[in-house]
Amino acid sequence: MTSFISITLLLLSATVVNSYGCLMDQTADGNFPLKVNQYVWEGGDIACEACKFIITNVQKKLKSDNSKEKISQLLNKACDKAGILRQSCKRVIRNSSKKLIDAIAERKSASFTCVQLKYCQ
């Protein structure tokens, strides 16, 4: 029975070490390494989904007031509930806020806008 317990403890400790290693793949600010970030900026699906998420959610909340000031306020809150897309969402807004505001004010579709901004193919 002691060999069974030893093997179980060994497997358990290996799992813990492996899980800790995955956590260490993140940088100090909670972002993932450059390899993941490059995927986002090379037209990966993450940036595309984040772009569409932003536009769709802002358009839903706008209702009849599509002033650029209102859109800007909503953009500042757009990533709050983005979940796994949060970091990409923030980058898209940081790099394209003026173009996003213009596109949303002109009521352009999320798909069209994100292709124009080169976040989607």
PDB file of N, CA and C in Angstrom:
ATOM      1  N   MET A   1       0.820  -1.192   0.000  1.00  0.00           N
ATOM      2  CA  MET A   1       0.000   0.000   0.000  1.00  0.00           C
ATOM      3  C   MET A   1       0.865   1.257   0.000  1.00  0.00           C
ATOM      4  N   THR A   2       2.028   1.232   0.596  1.00  0.00           N
ATOM      5  CA  THR A   2       2.886   2.411   0.632  1.00  0.00           C
ATOM      6  C   THR A   2       3.416   2.784  -0.750  1.00  0.00           C
ATOM      7  N   SER A   3       3.657   1.811  -1.598  1.00  0.00           N
ATOM      8  CA  SER A   3       4.105   2.140  -2.950  1.00  0.00           C
ATOM      9  C   SER A   3       2.978   2.820  -3.734  1.00  0.00           C
ATOM     10  N   PHE A   4       1.748   2.412  -3.503  1.00  0.00           N
ATOM     11  CA  PHE A   4       0.597   3.041  -4.138  1.00  0.00           C
ATOM     12  C   PHE A   4       0.496   4.507  -3.714  1.00  0.00           C
ATOM     13  N   ILE A   5       0.666   4.780  -2.441  1.00  0.00           N
ATOM     14  CA  ILE A   5       0.610   6.151  -1.925  1.00  0.00           C
ATOM     15  C   ILE A   5       1.768   6.970  -2.477  1.00  0.00           C
ATOM     16  N   SER A   6       2.943   6.366  -2.564  1.00  0.00           N
ATOM     17  CA  SER A   6       4.105   7.076  -3.105  1.00  0.00           C
ATOM     18  C   SER A   6       3.886   7.480  -4.561  1.00  0.00           C
ATOM     19  N   ILE A   7       3.363   6.562  -5.347  1.00  0.00           N
ATOM     20  CA  ILE A   7       3.106   6.850  -6.759  1.00  0.00           C
ATOM     21  C   ILE A   7       2.043   7.929  -6.892  1.00  0.00           C
ATOM     22  N   THR A   8       1.002   7.855  -6.072  1.00  0.00           N
ATOM     23  CA  THR A   8      -0.066   8.856  -6.107  1.00  0.00           C
ATOM     24  C   THR A   8       0.479  10.242  -5.770  1.00  0.00           C
ATOM     25  N   LEU A   9       1.300  10.318  -4.737  1.00  0.00           N
ATOM     26  CA  LEU A   9       1.887  11.603  -4.352  1.00  0.00           C
ATOM     27  C   LEU A   9       2.821  12.134  -5.434  1.00  0.00           C
ATOM     28  N   LEU A  10       3.569  11.262  -6.054  1.00  0.00           N
ATOM     29  CA  LEU A  10       4.466  11.662  -7.136  1.00  0.00           C
ATOM     30  C   LEU A  10       3.672  12.241  -8.315  1.00  0.00           C
ATOM     31  N   LEU A  11       2.596  11.568  -8.698  1.00  0.00           N
ATOM     32  CA  LEU A  11       1.761  12.062  -9.798  1.00  0.00           C
ATOM     33  C   LEU A  11       1.097  13.386  -9.446  1.00  0.00           C
ATOM     34  N   LEU A  12       0.653  13.507  -8.219  1.00  0.00           N
ATOM     35  CA  LEU A  12       0.027  14.740  -7.767  1.00  0.00           C
ATOM     36  C   LEU A  12       1.021  15.902  -7.789  1.00  0.00           C
ATOM     37  N   SER A  13       2.230  15.664  -7.302  1.00  0.00           N
ATOM     38  CA  SER A  13       3.231  16.737  -7.295  1.00  0.00           C
ATOM     39  C   SER A  13       3.635  17.121  -8.718  1.00  0.00           C
ATOM     40  N   ALA A  14       3.684  16.168  -9.636  1.00  0.00           N
ATOM     41  CA  ALA A  14       4.010  16.476 -11.032  1.00  0.00           C
ATOM     42  C   ALA A  14       2.925  17.341 -11.651  1.00  0.00           C
ATOM     43  N   THR A  15       1.682  17.080 -11.310  1.00  0.00           N
ATOM     44  CA  THR A  15       0.565  17.883 -11.819  1.00  0.00           C
ATOM     45  C   THR A  15       0.640  19.309 -11.300  1.00  0.00           C
ATOM     46  N   VAL A  16       0.962  19.470 -10.029  1.00  0.00           N
ATOM     47  CA  VAL A  16       1.071  20.795  -9.432  1.00  0.00           C
ATOM     48  C   VAL A  16       2.203  21.578 -10.087  1.00  0.00           C
ATOM     49  N   VAL A  17       3.333  20.950 -10.304  1.00  0.00           N
ATOM     50  CA  VAL A  17       4.472  21.608 -10.936  1.00  0.00           C
ATOM     51  C   VAL A  17       4.121  22.013 -12.365  1.00  0.00           C
ATOM     52  N   ASN A  18       3.427  21.147 -13.099  1.00  0.00           N
ATOM     53  CA  ASN A  18       3.023  21.453 -14.462  1.00  0.00           C
ATOM     54  C   ASN A  18       2.044  22.630 -14.485  1.00  0.00           C
ATOM     55  N   SER A  19       1.101  22.668 -13.573  1.00  0.00           N
ATOM     56  CA  SER A  19       0.145  23.780 -13.495  1.00  0.00           C
ATOM     57  C   SER A  19       0.863  25.079 -13.170  1.00  0.00           C
ATOM     58  N   TYR A  20       1.804  25.038 -12.257  1.00  0.00           N
ATOM     59  CA  TYR A  20       2.560  26.231 -11.887  1.00  0.00           C
ATOM     60  C   TYR A  20       3.351  26.743 -13.083  1.00  0.00           C
ATOM     61  N   GLY A  21       3.885  25.831 -13.875  1.00  0.00           N
ATOM     62  CA  GLY A  21       4.632  26.223 -15.066  1.00  0.00           C
ATOM     63  C   GLY A  21       3.762  26.978 -16.053  1.00  0.00           C
ATOM     64  N   CYS A  22       2.490  26.579 -16.195  1.00  0.00           N
ATOM     65  CA  CYS A  22       1.572  27.290 -17.080  1.00  0.00           C
ATOM     66  C   CYS A  22       1.323  28.710 -16.583  1.00  0.00           C
ATOM     67  N   LEU A  23       1.239  28.866 -15.278  1.00  0.00           N
ATOM     68  CA  LEU A  23       1.058  30.195 -14.715  1.00  0.00           C
ATOM     69  C   LEU A  23       2.284  31.061 -14.953  1.00  0.00           C
ATOM     70  N   MET A  24       3.443  30.453 -14.953  1.00  0.00           N
ATOM     71  CA  MET A  24       4.677  31.202 -15.154  1.00  0.00           C
ATOM     72  C   MET A  24       4.815  31.675 -16.599  1.00  0.00           C
ATOM     73  N   ASP A  25       4.013  31.112 -17.527  1.00  0.00           N
ATOM     74  CA  ASP A  25       4.044  31.563 -18.910  1.00  0.00           C
ATOM     75  C   ASP A  25       3.485  32.969 -19.049  1.00  0.00           C
ATOM     76  N   GLN A  26       2.734  33.423 -18.044  1.00  0.00           N
ATOM     77  CA  GLN A  26       2.211  34.773 -18.076  1.00  0.00           C
ATOM     78  C   GLN A  26       3.265  35.747 -17.572  1.00  0.00           C
ATOM     79  N   THR A  27       3.170  36.976 -18.044  1.00  0.00           N
ATOM     80  CA  THR A  27       4.089  37.996 -17.570  1.00  0.00           C
ATOM     81  C   THR A  27       3.574  38.561 -16.257  1.00  0.00           C
ATOM     82  N   ALA A  28       4.333  39.439 -15.645  1.00  0.00           N
ATOM     83  CA  ALA A  28       3.975  39.983 -14.336  1.00  0.00           C
ATOM     84  C   ALA A  28       2.645  40.729 -14.355  1.00  0.00           C
ATOM     85  N   ASP A  29       2.282  41.359 -15.477  1.00  0.00           N
ATOM     86  CA  ASP A  29       1.025  42.104 -15.525  1.00  0.00           C
ATOM     87  C   ASP A  29      -0.160  41.243 -15.942  1.00  0.00           C
ATOM     88  N   GLY A  30       0.051  39.908 -16.016  1.00  0.00           N
ATOM     89  CA  GLY A  30      -1.049  39.003 -16.318  1.00  0.00           C
ATOM     90  C   GLY A  30      -1.258  38.756 -17.798  1.00  0.00           C
ATOM     91  N   ASN A  31      -0.455  39.381 -18.642  1.00  0.00           N
ATOM     92  CA  ASN A  31      -0.567  39.156 -20.074  1.00  0.00           C
ATOM     93  C   ASN A  31       0.194  37.892 -20.452  1.00  0.00           C
ATOM     94  N   PHE A  32      -0.116  37.383 -21.607  1.00  0.00           N
ATOM     95  CA  PHE A  32       0.618  36.231 -22.083  1.00  0.00           C
ATOM     96  C   PHE A  32       1.823  36.702 -22.876  1.00  0.00           C
ATOM     97  N   PRO A  33       2.764  35.822 -23.127  1.00  0.00           N
ATOM     98  CA  PRO A  33       4.008  36.226 -23.774  1.00  0.00           C
ATOM     99  C   PRO A  33       3.809  36.772 -25.183  1.00  0.00           C
ATOM    100  N   LEU A  34       4.872  37.315 -25.705  1.00  0.00           N
ATOM    101  CA  LEU A  34       4.880  37.962 -27.001  1.00  0.00           C
ATOM    102  C   LEU A  34       4.319  37.063 -28.097  1.00  0.00           C
ATOM    103  N   LYS A  35       4.563  35.762 -28.006  1.00  0.00           N
ATOM    104  CA  LYS A  35       4.096  34.834 -29.023  1.00  0.00           C
ATOM    105  C   LYS A  35       2.574  34.940 -29.186  1.00  0.00           C
ATOM    106  N   VAL A  36       1.840  34.996 -28.089  1.00  0.00           N
ATOM    107  CA  VAL A  36       0.388  35.129 -28.137  1.00  0.00           C
ATOM    108  C   VAL A  36       0.012  36.508 -28.641  1.00  0.00           C
ATOM    109  N   ASN A  37       0.694  37.545 -28.160  1.00  0.00           N
ATOM    110  CA  ASN A  37       0.405  38.906 -28.594  1.00  0.00           C
ATOM    111  C   ASN A  37       0.661  39.080 -30.091  1.00  0.00           C
ATOM    112  N   GLN A  38       1.687  38.420 -30.634  1.00  0.00           N
ATOM    113  CA  GLN A  38       1.956  38.496 -32.066  1.00  0.00           C
ATOM    114  C   GLN A  38       0.816  37.883 -32.858  1.00  0.00           C
ATOM    115  N   TYR A  39       0.251  36.794 -32.342  1.00  0.00           N
ATOM    116  CA  TYR A  39      -0.885  36.159 -33.008  1.00  0.00           C
ATOM    117  C   TYR A  39      -2.035  37.161 -33.144  1.00  0.00           C
ATOM    118  N   VAL A  40      -2.270  37.911 -32.090  1.00  0.00           N
ATOM    119  CA  VAL A  40      -3.344  38.898 -32.094  1.00  0.00           C
ATOM    120  C   VAL A  40      -3.093  39.951 -33.159  1.00  0.00           C
ATOM    121  N   TRP A  41      -1.866  40.439 -33.261  1.00  0.00           N
ATOM    122  CA  TRP A  41      -1.580  41.533 -34.186  1.00  0.00           C
ATOM    123  C   TRP A  41      -1.264  41.079 -35.596  1.00  0.00           C
ATOM    124  N   GLU A  42      -1.177  39.785 -35.824  1.00  0.00           N
ATOM    125  CA  GLU A  42      -0.972  39.294 -37.180  1.00  0.00           C
ATOM    126  C   GLU A  42      -2.299  38.887 -37.808  1.00  0.00           C
ATOM    127  N   GLY A  43      -3.370  39.487 -37.342  1.00  0.00           N
ATOM    128  CA  GLY A  43      -4.680  39.214 -37.926  1.00  0.00           C
ATOM    129  C   GLY A  43      -5.326  37.967 -37.366  1.00  0.00           C
ATOM    130  N   GLY A  44      -4.927  37.539 -36.193  1.00  0.00           N
ATOM    131  CA  GLY A  44      -5.520  36.350 -35.590  1.00  0.00           C
ATOM    132  C   GLY A  44      -6.966  36.566 -35.219  1.00  0.00           C
ATOM    133  N   ASP A  45      -7.655  35.478 -34.987  1.00  0.00           N
ATOM    134  CA  ASP A  45      -9.074  35.538 -34.674  1.00  0.00           C
ATOM    135  C   ASP A  45      -9.371  36.308 -33.396  1.00  0.00           C
ATOM    136  N   ILE A  46      -8.437  36.385 -32.488  1.00  0.00           N
ATOM    137  CA  ILE A  46      -8.670  37.068 -31.214  1.00  0.00           C
ATOM    138  C   ILE A  46      -8.923  38.552 -31.448  1.00  0.00           C
ATOM    139  N   ALA A  47      -8.104  39.199 -32.234  1.00  0.00           N
ATOM    140  CA  ALA A  47      -8.281  40.624 -32.513  1.00  0.00           C
ATOM    141  C   ALA A  47      -9.572  40.863 -33.287  1.00  0.00           C
ATOM    142  N   CYS A  48      -9.902  39.975 -34.193  1.00  0.00           N
ATOM    143  CA  CYS A  48     -11.127  40.094 -34.980  1.00  0.00           C
ATOM    144  C   CYS A  48     -12.346  40.004 -34.057  1.00  0.00           C
ATOM    145  N   GLU A  49     -12.354  39.005 -33.201  1.00  0.00           N
ATOM    146  CA  GLU A  49     -13.481  38.839 -32.276  1.00  0.00           C
ATOM    147  C   GLU A  49     -13.596  40.012 -31.324  1.00  0.00           C
ATOM    148  N   ALA A  50     -12.468  40.512 -30.852  1.00  0.00           N
ATOM    149  CA  ALA A  50     -12.480  41.668 -29.945  1.00  0.00           C
ATOM    150  C   ALA A  50     -13.060  42.889 -30.649  1.00  0.00           C
ATOM    151  N   CYS A  51     -12.663  43.122 -31.876  1.00  0.00           N
ATOM    152  CA  CYS A  51     -13.156  44.256 -32.653  1.00  0.00           C
ATOM    153  C   CYS A  51     -14.671  44.163 -32.829  1.00  0.00           C
ATOM    154  N   LYS A  52     -15.156  43.000 -33.239  1.00  0.00           N
ATOM    155  CA  LYS A  52     -16.600  42.823 -33.433  1.00  0.00           C
ATOM    156  C   LYS A  52     -17.359  42.937 -32.115  1.00  0.00           C
ATOM    157  N   PHE A  53     -16.763  42.434 -31.049  1.00  0.00           N
ATOM    158  CA  PHE A  53     -17.375  42.527 -29.721  1.00  0.00           C
ATOM    159  C   PHE A  53     -17.574  43.990 -29.328  1.00  0.00           C
ATOM    160  N   ILE A  54     -16.553  44.789 -29.530  1.00  0.00           N
ATOM    161  CA  ILE A  54     -16.604  46.214 -29.171  1.00  0.00           C
ATOM    162  C   ILE A  54     -17.732  46.919 -29.930  1.00  0.00           C
ATOM    163  N   ILE A  55     -17.707  46.786 -31.236  1.00  0.00           N
ATOM    164  CA  ILE A  55     -18.672  47.508 -32.065  1.00  0.00           C
ATOM    165  C   ILE A  55     -20.098  47.064 -31.774  1.00  0.00           C
ATOM    166  N   THR A  56     -20.310  45.768 -31.688  1.00  0.00           N
ATOM    167  CA  THR A  56     -21.649  45.242 -31.425  1.00  0.00           C
ATOM    168  C   THR A  56     -22.196  45.737 -30.091  1.00  0.00           C
ATOM    169  N   ASN A  57     -21.366  45.680 -29.059  1.00  0.00           N
ATOM    170  CA  ASN A  57     -21.834  46.092 -27.739  1.00  0.00           C
ATOM    171  C   ASN A  57     -22.079  47.595 -27.645  1.00  0.00           C
ATOM    172  N   VAL A  58     -21.229  48.381 -28.261  1.00  0.00           N
ATOM    173  CA  VAL A  58     -21.433  49.834 -28.242  1.00  0.00           C
ATOM    174  C   VAL A  58     -22.705  50.181 -29.015  1.00  0.00           C
ATOM    175  N   GLN A  59     -22.907  49.554 -30.175  1.00  0.00           N
ATOM    176  CA  GLN A  59     -24.103  49.829 -30.966  1.00  0.00           C
ATOM    177  C   GLN A  59     -25.380  49.467 -30.216  1.00  0.00           C
ATOM    178  N   LYS A  60     -25.356  48.371 -29.463  1.00  0.00           N
ATOM    179  CA  LYS A  60     -26.529  47.962 -28.685  1.00  0.00           C
ATOM    180  C   LYS A  60     -26.877  48.991 -27.615  1.00  0.00           C
ATOM    181  N   LYS A  61     -25.863  49.582 -27.010  1.00  0.00           N
ATOM    182  CA  LYS A  61     -26.079  50.521 -25.909  1.00  0.00           C
ATOM    183  C   LYS A  61     -26.370  51.945 -26.379  1.00  0.00           C
ATOM    184  N   LEU A  62     -26.098  52.233 -27.629  1.00  0.00           N
ATOM    185  CA  LEU A  62     -26.273  53.596 -28.143  1.00  0.00           C
ATOM    186  C   LEU A  62     -27.730  54.034 -28.221  1.00  0.00           C
ATOM    187  N   LYS A  63     -28.573  53.154 -28.682  1.00  0.00           N
ATOM    188  CA  LYS A  63     -29.975  53.490 -28.945  1.00  0.00           C
ATOM    189  C   LYS A  63     -30.045  54.609 -29.976  1.00  0.00           C
ATOM    190  N   SER A  64     -30.692  55.717 -29.667  1.00  0.00           N
ATOM    191  CA  SER A  64     -30.852  56.771 -30.677  1.00  0.00           C
ATOM    192  C   SER A  64     -29.735  57.822 -30.634  1.00  0.00           C
ATOM    193  N   ASP A  65     -29.009  57.892 -29.540  1.00  0.00           N
ATOM    194  CA  ASP A  65     -27.935  58.886 -29.406  1.00  0.00           C
ATOM    195  C   ASP A  65     -26.632  58.321 -29.962  1.00  0.00           C
ATOM    196  N   ASN A  66     -26.303  58.710 -31.195  1.00  0.00           N
ATOM    197  CA  ASN A  66     -25.053  58.214 -31.777  1.00  0.00           C
ATOM    198  C   ASN A  66     -24.013  59.319 -31.903  1.00  0.00           C
ATOM    199  N   SER A  67     -24.006  60.226 -30.914  1.00  0.00           N
ATOM    200  CA  SER A  67     -22.993  61.287 -30.915  1.00  0.00           C
ATOM    201  C   SER A  67     -21.621  60.687 -30.627  1.00  0.00           C
ATOM    202  N   LYS A  68     -20.601  61.317 -31.146  1.00  0.00           N
ATOM    203  CA  LYS A  68     -19.241  60.815 -30.946  1.00  0.00           C
ATOM    204  C   LYS A  68     -18.845  60.858 -29.471  1.00  0.00           C
ATOM    205  N   GLU A  69     -19.365  61.808 -28.734  1.00  0.00           N
ATOM    206  CA  GLU A  69     -19.077  61.892 -27.296  1.00  0.00           C
ATOM    207  C   GLU A  69     -19.650  60.678 -26.558  1.00  0.00           C
ATOM    208  N   LYS A  70     -20.879  60.315 -26.883  1.00  0.00           N
ATOM    209  CA  LYS A  70     -21.528  59.157 -26.254  1.00  0.00           C
ATOM    210  C   LYS A  70     -20.792  57.877 -26.645  1.00  0.00           C
ATOM    211  N   ILE A  71     -20.416  57.772 -27.907  1.00  0.00           N
ATOM    212  CA  ILE A  71     -19.682  56.591 -28.377  1.00  0.00           C
ATOM    213  C   ILE A  71     -18.353  56.477 -27.642  1.00  0.00           C
ATOM    214  N   SER A  72     -17.664  57.577 -27.481  1.00  0.00           N
ATOM    215  CA  SER A  72     -16.388  57.584 -26.760  1.00  0.00           C
ATOM    216  C   SER A  72     -16.561  57.100 -25.316  1.00  0.00           C
ATOM    217  N   GLN A  73     -17.625  57.555 -24.663  1.00  0.00           N
ATOM    218  CA  GLN A  73     -17.903  57.109 -23.284  1.00  0.00           C
ATOM    219  C   GLN A  73     -18.142  55.605 -23.241  1.00  0.00           C
ATOM    220  N   LEU A  74     -18.899  55.098 -24.198  1.00  0.00           N
ATOM    221  CA  LEU A  74     -19.191  53.667 -24.230  1.00  0.00           C
ATOM    222  C   LEU A  74     -17.946  52.843 -24.580  1.00  0.00           C
ATOM    223  N   LEU A  75     -17.078  53.379 -25.435  1.00  0.00           N
ATOM    224  CA  LEU A  75     -15.833  52.675 -25.765  1.00  0.00           C
ATOM    225  C   LEU A  75     -14.967  52.494 -24.524  1.00  0.00           C
ATOM    226  N   ASN A  76     -14.963  53.501 -23.661  1.00  0.00           N
ATOM    227  CA  ASN A  76     -14.160  53.420 -22.442  1.00  0.00           C
ATOM    228  C   ASN A  76     -14.616  52.296 -21.522  1.00  0.00           C
ATOM    229  N   LYS A  77     -15.864  51.871 -21.650  1.00  0.00           N
ATOM    230  CA  LYS A  77     -16.406  50.799 -20.809  1.00  0.00           C
ATOM    231  C   LYS A  77     -16.580  49.480 -21.564  1.00  0.00           C
ATOM    232  N   ALA A  78     -16.286  49.495 -22.850  1.00  0.00           N
ATOM    233  CA  ALA A  78     -16.587  48.350 -23.713  1.00  0.00           C
ATOM    234  C   ALA A  78     -15.880  47.063 -23.314  1.00  0.00           C
ATOM    235  N   CYS A  79     -14.706  47.158 -22.749  1.00  0.00           N
ATOM    236  CA  CYS A  79     -13.927  45.955 -22.440  1.00  0.00           C
ATOM    237  C   CYS A  79     -14.195  45.399 -21.043  1.00  0.00           C
ATOM    238  N   ASP A  80     -15.024  46.080 -20.271  1.00  0.00           N
ATOM    239  CA  ASP A  80     -15.272  45.658 -18.894  1.00  0.00           C
ATOM    240  C   ASP A  80     -15.798  44.230 -18.790  1.00  0.00           C
ATOM    241  N   LYS A  81     -16.632  43.820 -19.735  1.00  0.00           N
ATOM    242  CA  LYS A  81     -17.220  42.477 -19.689  1.00  0.00           C
ATOM    243  C   LYS A  81     -16.777  41.624 -20.863  1.00  0.00           C
ATOM    244  N   ALA A  82     -15.561  41.855 -21.334  1.00  0.00           N
ATOM    245  CA  ALA A  82     -15.059  41.144 -22.510  1.00  0.00           C
ATOM    246  C   ALA A  82     -14.480  39.776 -22.186  1.00  0.00           C
ATOM    247  N   GLY A  83     -14.322  39.464 -20.914  1.00  0.00           N
ATOM    248  CA  GLY A  83     -13.797  38.151 -20.528  1.00  0.00           C
ATOM    249  C   GLY A  83     -12.415  37.894 -21.097  1.00  0.00           C
ATOM    250  N   ILE A  84     -12.281  36.781 -21.782  1.00  0.00           N
ATOM    251  CA  ILE A  84     -10.989  36.362 -22.332  1.00  0.00           C
ATOM    252  C   ILE A  84     -10.480  37.328 -23.406  1.00  0.00           C
ATOM    253  N   LEU A  85     -11.365  38.111 -23.980  1.00  0.00           N
ATOM    254  CA  LEU A  85     -10.981  39.073 -25.017  1.00  0.00           C
ATOM    255  C   LEU A  85     -10.516  40.407 -24.445  1.00  0.00           C
ATOM    256  N   ARG A  86     -10.501  40.542 -23.141  1.00  0.00           N
ATOM    257  CA  ARG A  86     -10.264  41.838 -22.493  1.00  0.00           C
ATOM    258  C   ARG A  86      -8.978  42.541 -22.955  1.00  0.00           C
ATOM    259  N   GLN A  87      -7.851  41.849 -22.939  1.00  0.00           N
ATOM    260  CA  GLN A  87      -6.583  42.474 -23.334  1.00  0.00           C
ATOM    261  C   GLN A  87      -6.601  42.872 -24.807  1.00  0.00           C
ATOM    262  N   SER A  88      -7.118  42.005 -25.653  1.00  0.00           N
ATOM    263  CA  SER A  88      -7.208  42.334 -27.083  1.00  0.00           C
ATOM    264  C   SER A  88      -8.168  43.483 -27.297  1.00  0.00           C
ATOM    265  N   CYS A  89      -9.244  43.481 -26.559  1.00  0.00           N
ATOM    266  CA  CYS A  89     -10.237  44.554 -26.640  1.00  0.00           C
ATOM    267  C   CYS A  89      -9.593  45.899 -26.321  1.00  0.00           C
ATOM    268  N   LYS A  90      -8.823  45.949 -25.256  1.00  0.00           N
ATOM    269  CA  LYS A  90      -8.153  47.191 -24.869  1.00  0.00           C
ATOM    270  C   LYS A  90      -7.175  47.653 -25.939  1.00  0.00           C
ATOM    271  N   ARG A  91      -6.459  46.712 -26.543  1.00  0.00           N
ATOM    272  CA  ARG A  91      -5.498  47.068 -27.593  1.00  0.00           C
ATOM    273  C   ARG A  91      -6.198  47.624 -28.824  1.00  0.00           C
ATOM    274  N   VAL A  92      -7.301  46.974 -29.201  1.00  0.00           N
ATOM    275  CA  VAL A  92      -8.038  47.445 -30.379  1.00  0.00           C
ATOM    276  C   VAL A  92      -8.515  48.874 -30.148  1.00  0.00           C
ATOM    277  N   ILE A  93      -9.053  49.141 -28.979  1.00  0.00           N
ATOM    278  CA  ILE A  93      -9.535  50.495 -28.673  1.00  0.00           C
ATOM    279  C   ILE A  93      -8.376  51.484 -28.617  1.00  0.00           C
ATOM    280  N   ARG A  94      -7.292  51.082 -27.973  1.00  0.00           N
ATOM    281  CA  ARG A  94      -6.134  51.980 -27.848  1.00  0.00           C
ATOM    282  C   ARG A  94      -5.574  52.355 -29.231  1.00  0.00           C
ATOM    283  N   ASN A  95      -5.546  51.404 -30.139  1.00  0.00           N
ATOM    284  CA  ASN A  95      -4.934  51.639 -31.446  1.00  0.00           C
ATOM    285  C   ASN A  95      -5.892  52.178 -32.508  1.00  0.00           C
ATOM    286  N   SER A  96      -7.191  52.050 -32.277  1.00  0.00           N
ATOM    287  CA  SER A  96      -8.135  52.407 -33.342  1.00  0.00           C
ATOM    288  C   SER A  96      -9.343  53.192 -32.855  1.00  0.00           C
ATOM    289  N   SER A  97      -9.251  53.837 -31.711  1.00  0.00           N
ATOM    290  CA  SER A  97     -10.444  54.457 -31.130  1.00  0.00           C
ATOM    291  C   SER A  97     -11.107  55.481 -32.053  1.00  0.00           C
ATOM    292  N   LYS A  98     -10.330  56.331 -32.691  1.00  0.00           N
ATOM    293  CA  LYS A  98     -10.926  57.357 -33.557  1.00  0.00           C
ATOM    294  C   LYS A  98     -11.664  56.734 -34.737  1.00  0.00           C
ATOM    295  N   LYS A  99     -11.060  55.726 -35.348  1.00  0.00           N
ATOM    296  CA  LYS A  99     -11.704  55.059 -36.480  1.00  0.00           C
ATOM    297  C   LYS A  99     -12.937  54.279 -36.029  1.00  0.00           C
ATOM    298  N   LEU A 100     -12.870  53.674 -34.837  1.00  0.00           N
ATOM    299  CA  LEU A 100     -14.035  52.970 -34.297  1.00  0.00           C
ATOM    300  C   LEU A 100     -15.178  53.948 -34.043  1.00  0.00           C
ATOM    301  N   ILE A 101     -14.866  55.094 -33.459  1.00  0.00           N
ATOM    302  CA  ILE A 101     -15.891  56.103 -33.176  1.00  0.00           C
ATOM    303  C   ILE A 101     -16.561  56.553 -34.474  1.00  0.00           C
ATOM    304  N   ASP A 102     -15.761  56.834 -35.492  1.00  0.00           N
ATOM    305  CA  ASP A 102     -16.315  57.268 -36.781  1.00  0.00           C
ATOM    306  C   ASP A 102     -17.211  56.188 -37.387  1.00  0.00           C
ATOM    307  N   ALA A 103     -16.748  54.955 -37.374  1.00  0.00           N
ATOM    308  CA  ALA A 103     -17.514  53.858 -37.974  1.00  0.00           C
ATOM    309  C   ALA A 103     -18.828  53.619 -37.224  1.00  0.00           C
ATOM    310  N   ILE A 104     -18.777  53.679 -35.900  1.00  0.00           N
ATOM    311  CA  ILE A 104     -19.994  53.468 -35.111  1.00  0.00           C
ATOM    312  C   ILE A 104     -20.963  54.629 -35.316  1.00  0.00           C
ATOM    313  N   ALA A 105     -20.451  55.848 -35.387  1.00  0.00           N
ATOM    314  CA  ALA A 105     -21.300  57.029 -35.624  1.00  0.00           C
ATOM    315  C   ALA A 105     -21.986  56.946 -36.982  1.00  0.00           C
ATOM    316  N   GLU A 106     -21.297  56.354 -37.946  1.00  0.00           N
ATOM    317  CA  GLU A 106     -21.863  56.193 -39.288  1.00  0.00           C
ATOM    318  C   GLU A 106     -22.692  54.915 -39.410  1.00  0.00           C
ATOM    319  N   ARG A 107     -22.841  54.199 -38.307  1.00  0.00           N
ATOM    320  CA  ARG A 107     -23.648  52.965 -38.223  1.00  0.00           C
ATOM    321  C   ARG A 107     -23.186  51.878 -39.199  1.00  0.00           C
ATOM    322  N   LYS A 108     -21.874  51.778 -39.375  1.00  0.00           N
ATOM    323  CA  LYS A 108     -21.322  50.716 -40.217  1.00  0.00           C
ATOM    324  C   LYS A 108     -21.358  49.408 -39.436  1.00  0.00           C
ATOM    325  N   SER A 109     -21.444  48.303 -40.127  1.00  0.00           N
ATOM    326  CA  SER A 109     -21.525  46.997 -39.462  1.00  0.00           C
ATOM    327  C   SER A 109     -20.186  46.630 -38.826  1.00  0.00           C
ATOM    328  N   ALA A 110     -20.259  45.786 -37.822  1.00  0.00           N
ATOM    329  CA  ALA A 110     -19.051  45.336 -37.122  1.00  0.00           C
ATOM    330  C   ALA A 110     -18.125  44.574 -38.072  1.00  0.00           C
ATOM    331  N   SER A 111     -18.703  43.685 -38.871  1.00  0.00           N
ATOM    332  CA  SER A 111     -17.883  42.886 -39.801  1.00  0.00           C
ATOM    333  C   SER A 111     -17.157  43.772 -40.802  1.00  0.00           C
ATOM    334  N   PHE A 112     -17.883  44.696 -41.412  1.00  0.00           N
ATOM    335  CA  PHE A 112     -17.290  45.593 -42.400  1.00  0.00           C
ATOM    336  C   PHE A 112     -16.177  46.428 -41.776  1.00  0.00           C
ATOM    337  N   THR A 113     -16.474  47.020 -40.621  1.00  0.00           N
ATOM    338  CA  THR A 113     -15.501  47.894 -39.955  1.00  0.00           C
ATOM    339  C   THR A 113     -14.243  47.143 -39.567  1.00  0.00           C
ATOM    340  N   CYS A 114     -14.395  45.958 -39.017  1.00  0.00           N
ATOM    341  CA  CYS A 114     -13.216  45.200 -38.546  1.00  0.00           C
ATOM    342  C   CYS A 114     -12.356  44.717 -39.708  1.00  0.00           C
ATOM    343  N   VAL A 115     -12.972  44.462 -40.854  1.00  0.00           N
ATOM    344  CA  VAL A 115     -12.192  44.136 -42.050  1.00  0.00           C
ATOM    345  C   VAL A 115     -11.444  45.380 -42.522  1.00  0.00           C
ATOM    346  N   GLN A 116     -12.129  46.530 -42.537  1.00  0.00           N
ATOM    347  CA  GLN A 116     -11.492  47.778 -42.946  1.00  0.00           C
ATOM    348  C   GLN A 116     -10.312  48.150 -42.048  1.00  0.00           C
ATOM    349  N   LEU A 117     -10.443  47.858 -40.758  1.00  0.00           N
ATOM    350  CA  LEU A 117      -9.364  48.155 -39.802  1.00  0.00           C
ATOM    351  C   LEU A 117      -8.291  47.073 -39.786  1.00  0.00           C
ATOM    352  N   LYS A 118      -8.485  46.026 -40.589  1.00  0.00           N
ATOM    353  CA  LYS A 118      -7.532  44.921 -40.753  1.00  0.00           C
ATOM    354  C   LYS A 118      -7.402  44.038 -39.504  1.00  0.00           C
ATOM    355  N   TYR A 119      -8.466  43.992 -38.704  1.00  0.00           N
ATOM    356  CA  TYR A 119      -8.492  43.048 -37.578  1.00  0.00           C
ATOM    357  C   TYR A 119      -9.092  41.728 -38.032  1.00  0.00           C
ATOM    358  N   CYS A 120      -9.892  41.759 -39.094  1.00  0.00           N
ATOM    359  CA  CYS A 120     -10.503  40.555 -39.642  1.00  0.00           C
ATOM    360  C   CYS A 120     -10.138  40.447 -41.123  1.00  0.00           C
ATOM    361  N   GLN A 121     -10.266  39.252 -41.638  1.00  0.00           N
ATOM    362  CA  GLN A 121      -9.960  39.028 -43.053  1.00  0.00           C
ATOM    363  C   GLN A 121     -11.225  39.000 -43.883  1.00  0.00           C
TER     364      GLN A 121
END
